[in-house]
N, C-alpha and C. Protein backbone atom coordinates (compact mmCIF):
# COMPACT_ATOMS: atom_id res chain seq x y z
N MET A 1 -14.54 0.73 23.89
CA MET A 1 -15.22 0.22 22.81
C MET A 1 -16.08 1.36 22.17
N ASN A 2 -16.30 1.12 20.80
CA ASN A 2 -17.17 2.10 20.39
C ASN A 2 -18.55 1.82 20.45
N LYS A 3 -19.37 2.90 20.91
CA LYS A 3 -20.82 2.72 21.00
C LYS A 3 -21.42 2.46 19.59
N PRO A 4 -22.54 1.78 19.39
CA PRO A 4 -23.03 1.51 18.00
C PRO A 4 -23.57 2.88 17.41
N ASN A 5 -23.77 3.86 18.17
CA ASN A 5 -24.33 5.17 17.39
C ASN A 5 -23.29 6.17 17.36
N GLU A 6 -22.06 5.91 17.79
CA GLU A 6 -20.98 6.85 17.94
C GLU A 6 -20.27 6.90 16.61
N GLU A 7 -20.12 8.14 16.15
CA GLU A 7 -19.60 8.45 14.87
C GLU A 7 -18.07 8.55 14.89
N MET A 8 -17.53 7.70 13.92
CA MET A 8 -16.20 7.68 13.78
C MET A 8 -15.61 8.73 12.86
N THR A 9 -14.57 9.42 12.96
CA THR A 9 -14.10 10.31 11.91
C THR A 9 -12.56 10.04 11.79
N PHE A 10 -12.16 10.14 10.55
CA PHE A 10 -10.68 9.77 10.15
C PHE A 10 -10.27 10.93 9.46
N THR A 11 -8.93 11.30 10.02
CA THR A 11 -8.30 12.43 9.48
C THR A 11 -6.97 12.03 8.76
N ILE A 12 -7.00 12.17 7.47
CA ILE A 12 -5.76 11.97 6.68
C ILE A 12 -4.92 13.37 6.48
N LYS A 13 -3.64 13.12 6.81
CA LYS A 13 -2.86 14.41 6.85
C LYS A 13 -1.97 14.30 5.58
N PRO A 14 -1.99 15.17 4.71
CA PRO A 14 -1.25 15.12 3.47
C PRO A 14 0.28 15.04 3.76
N ARG A 15 0.98 14.14 3.06
CA ARG A 15 2.35 14.01 3.10
C ARG A 15 3.02 14.45 1.99
N PRO A 16 4.23 15.21 2.04
CA PRO A 16 5.05 15.45 0.87
C PRO A 16 5.04 14.32 0.07
N SER A 17 5.07 14.56 -1.29
CA SER A 17 5.09 13.47 -2.22
C SER A 17 6.06 13.98 -3.41
N GLU A 18 6.48 12.92 -4.33
CA GLU A 18 7.21 13.13 -5.34
C GLU A 18 7.00 12.20 -6.44
N LYS A 19 6.86 12.82 -7.68
CA LYS A 19 6.28 12.07 -8.87
C LYS A 19 7.63 11.15 -9.44
N VAL A 20 7.21 10.00 -9.65
CA VAL A 20 8.37 9.10 -10.19
C VAL A 20 7.78 8.55 -11.54
N SER A 21 8.65 8.11 -12.33
CA SER A 21 8.30 7.47 -13.58
C SER A 21 9.02 5.96 -13.51
N ILE A 22 8.14 5.10 -13.97
CA ILE A 22 8.65 3.70 -14.16
C ILE A 22 8.14 2.94 -15.31
N SER A 23 8.93 2.13 -16.05
CA SER A 23 8.40 1.25 -17.07
C SER A 23 7.79 -0.07 -16.42
N ILE A 24 6.78 -0.40 -16.91
CA ILE A 24 6.06 -1.57 -16.48
C ILE A 24 5.59 -2.27 -17.88
N PRO A 25 6.02 -3.59 -17.94
CA PRO A 25 5.72 -4.53 -19.14
C PRO A 25 4.08 -4.29 -19.52
N LYS A 26 3.77 -3.97 -20.70
CA LYS A 26 2.40 -3.86 -21.32
C LYS A 26 1.41 -4.84 -20.67
N ASP A 27 1.79 -6.13 -20.80
CA ASP A 27 0.86 -7.08 -20.22
C ASP A 27 0.58 -6.94 -18.47
N THR A 28 1.45 -6.51 -17.97
CA THR A 28 1.50 -6.30 -16.55
C THR A 28 0.61 -5.15 -16.27
N LEU A 29 0.78 -4.15 -17.09
CA LEU A 29 0.02 -2.87 -16.92
C LEU A 29 -1.46 -3.17 -17.25
N GLU A 30 -1.85 -3.95 -18.17
CA GLU A 30 -3.21 -4.31 -18.49
C GLU A 30 -3.78 -4.94 -17.37
N SER A 31 -3.06 -6.01 -16.79
CA SER A 31 -3.59 -6.72 -15.65
C SER A 31 -3.72 -5.86 -14.51
N LEU A 32 -2.97 -4.94 -14.24
CA LEU A 32 -3.20 -3.88 -13.20
C LEU A 32 -4.43 -3.08 -13.50
N LYS A 33 -4.58 -2.52 -14.65
CA LYS A 33 -5.74 -1.91 -15.01
C LYS A 33 -7.02 -2.60 -14.80
N THR A 34 -6.94 -3.85 -15.05
CA THR A 34 -8.11 -4.78 -14.93
C THR A 34 -8.60 -4.92 -13.41
N ILE A 35 -7.43 -5.21 -12.61
CA ILE A 35 -7.80 -5.31 -11.25
C ILE A 35 -8.21 -3.99 -10.57
N ALA A 36 -7.59 -2.93 -11.08
CA ALA A 36 -7.98 -1.72 -10.48
C ALA A 36 -9.43 -1.45 -10.85
N HIS A 37 -9.89 -1.68 -12.07
CA HIS A 37 -11.30 -1.48 -12.41
C HIS A 37 -12.25 -2.34 -11.66
N ASN A 38 -11.79 -3.57 -11.52
CA ASN A 38 -12.70 -4.64 -10.74
C ASN A 38 -12.81 -4.17 -9.14
N GLN A 39 -11.90 -3.60 -8.65
CA GLN A 39 -11.70 -3.18 -7.25
C GLN A 39 -12.42 -1.73 -7.19
N ASP A 40 -12.89 -1.19 -8.29
CA ASP A 40 -13.36 0.25 -8.27
C ASP A 40 -12.27 1.23 -7.68
N MET A 41 -11.08 1.12 -8.30
CA MET A 41 -10.07 1.88 -7.79
C MET A 41 -9.37 2.48 -9.01
N SER A 42 -8.64 3.57 -8.77
CA SER A 42 -7.87 4.18 -10.05
C SER A 42 -6.62 3.48 -9.99
N LEU A 43 -5.86 3.21 -11.22
CA LEU A 43 -4.73 2.64 -11.43
C LEU A 43 -3.74 3.13 -10.24
N GLU A 44 -3.64 4.39 -10.09
CA GLU A 44 -2.59 4.91 -9.30
C GLU A 44 -2.84 4.65 -7.79
N ALA A 45 -4.24 4.56 -7.44
CA ALA A 45 -4.65 4.15 -6.00
C ALA A 45 -4.06 2.76 -5.81
N LEU A 46 -4.34 1.81 -6.72
CA LEU A 46 -4.01 0.44 -6.71
C LEU A 46 -2.43 0.37 -6.57
N LEU A 47 -1.70 0.94 -7.34
CA LEU A 47 -0.15 0.88 -7.42
C LEU A 47 0.25 1.32 -5.86
N LYS A 48 -0.25 2.49 -5.43
CA LYS A 48 -0.02 2.95 -4.10
C LYS A 48 -0.34 1.85 -3.06
N PHE A 49 -1.43 1.26 -3.12
CA PHE A 49 -1.85 0.25 -2.23
C PHE A 49 -0.78 -0.87 -2.31
N TYR A 50 -0.45 -1.35 -3.39
CA TYR A 50 0.49 -2.61 -3.58
C TYR A 50 1.85 -2.20 -2.93
N ILE A 51 2.35 -1.00 -3.31
CA ILE A 51 3.58 -0.54 -2.83
C ILE A 51 3.65 -0.42 -1.33
N GLY A 52 2.48 0.13 -0.70
CA GLY A 52 2.44 0.37 0.68
C GLY A 52 2.41 -1.13 1.38
N LYS A 53 1.59 -2.03 0.84
CA LYS A 53 1.63 -3.37 1.31
C LYS A 53 2.82 -4.00 1.41
N GLY A 54 3.66 -3.85 0.25
CA GLY A 54 4.90 -4.63 0.22
C GLY A 54 5.86 -3.87 1.08
N LEU A 55 5.87 -2.55 1.25
CA LEU A 55 6.72 -1.93 2.13
C LEU A 55 6.58 -2.31 3.61
N ARG A 56 5.23 -2.37 4.07
CA ARG A 56 5.07 -2.81 5.36
C ARG A 56 5.52 -3.95 5.64
N GLN A 57 5.26 -4.95 4.65
CA GLN A 57 5.71 -6.30 4.99
C GLN A 57 7.46 -6.40 4.99
N ASP A 58 8.09 -5.62 4.17
CA ASP A 58 9.50 -5.66 4.43
C ASP A 58 10.09 -4.97 5.64
N LEU A 59 9.33 -3.96 6.05
CA LEU A 59 9.64 -3.27 7.23
C LEU A 59 9.44 -4.05 8.49
N ASP A 60 8.26 -4.93 8.35
CA ASP A 60 8.03 -5.86 9.61
C ASP A 60 9.16 -6.95 9.59
N VAL A 61 9.50 -7.47 8.48
CA VAL A 61 10.68 -8.41 8.44
C VAL A 61 11.95 -7.82 9.00
N GLY A 62 12.17 -6.60 8.66
CA GLY A 62 13.25 -5.85 9.24
C GLY A 62 13.28 -5.62 10.79
N TRP A 63 12.12 -5.18 11.22
CA TRP A 63 11.97 -5.13 12.67
C TRP A 63 12.25 -6.54 13.45
N VAL A 64 11.70 -7.56 12.75
CA VAL A 64 11.99 -8.91 13.17
C VAL A 64 13.38 -9.29 13.42
N GLU A 65 14.06 -8.93 12.23
CA GLU A 65 15.53 -9.26 12.21
C GLU A 65 16.32 -8.50 13.25
N LYS A 66 16.02 -7.41 13.49
CA LYS A 66 16.65 -6.40 14.37
C LYS A 66 16.52 -6.91 15.89
N ARG A 67 15.29 -7.55 16.04
CA ARG A 67 14.94 -8.02 17.32
C ARG A 67 15.55 -9.29 17.75
N ASN A 68 15.71 -10.25 16.46
CA ASN A 68 16.37 -11.49 16.68
C ASN A 68 17.81 -11.57 15.76
N PRO A 69 18.82 -11.08 16.15
CA PRO A 69 19.93 -10.94 15.32
C PRO A 69 20.66 -12.34 15.03
N THR A 70 20.15 -13.39 15.82
CA THR A 70 20.89 -14.63 15.51
C THR A 70 20.24 -15.52 14.35
N LYS A 71 19.07 -14.93 13.80
CA LYS A 71 18.54 -15.42 12.57
C LYS A 71 19.22 -14.95 11.36
N PRO A 72 19.23 -15.87 10.42
CA PRO A 72 20.21 -15.66 9.04
C PRO A 72 19.27 -14.45 8.34
């Protein structure tokens, strides 16, 4: 366990990335901008967060299906 005065460090390793372009309905984009502003995040950071969250959920479901092949 961490000691109360122990300093934690996080290392973020850059990963290769690629730019993509998508069309988002204007009202949805405005909602995303509002949420990003309220969360003190950039729109890009919010989109990456949402994509990552959804991806992790889908990958978790995939792992469950692989472990339990009898489920539909």
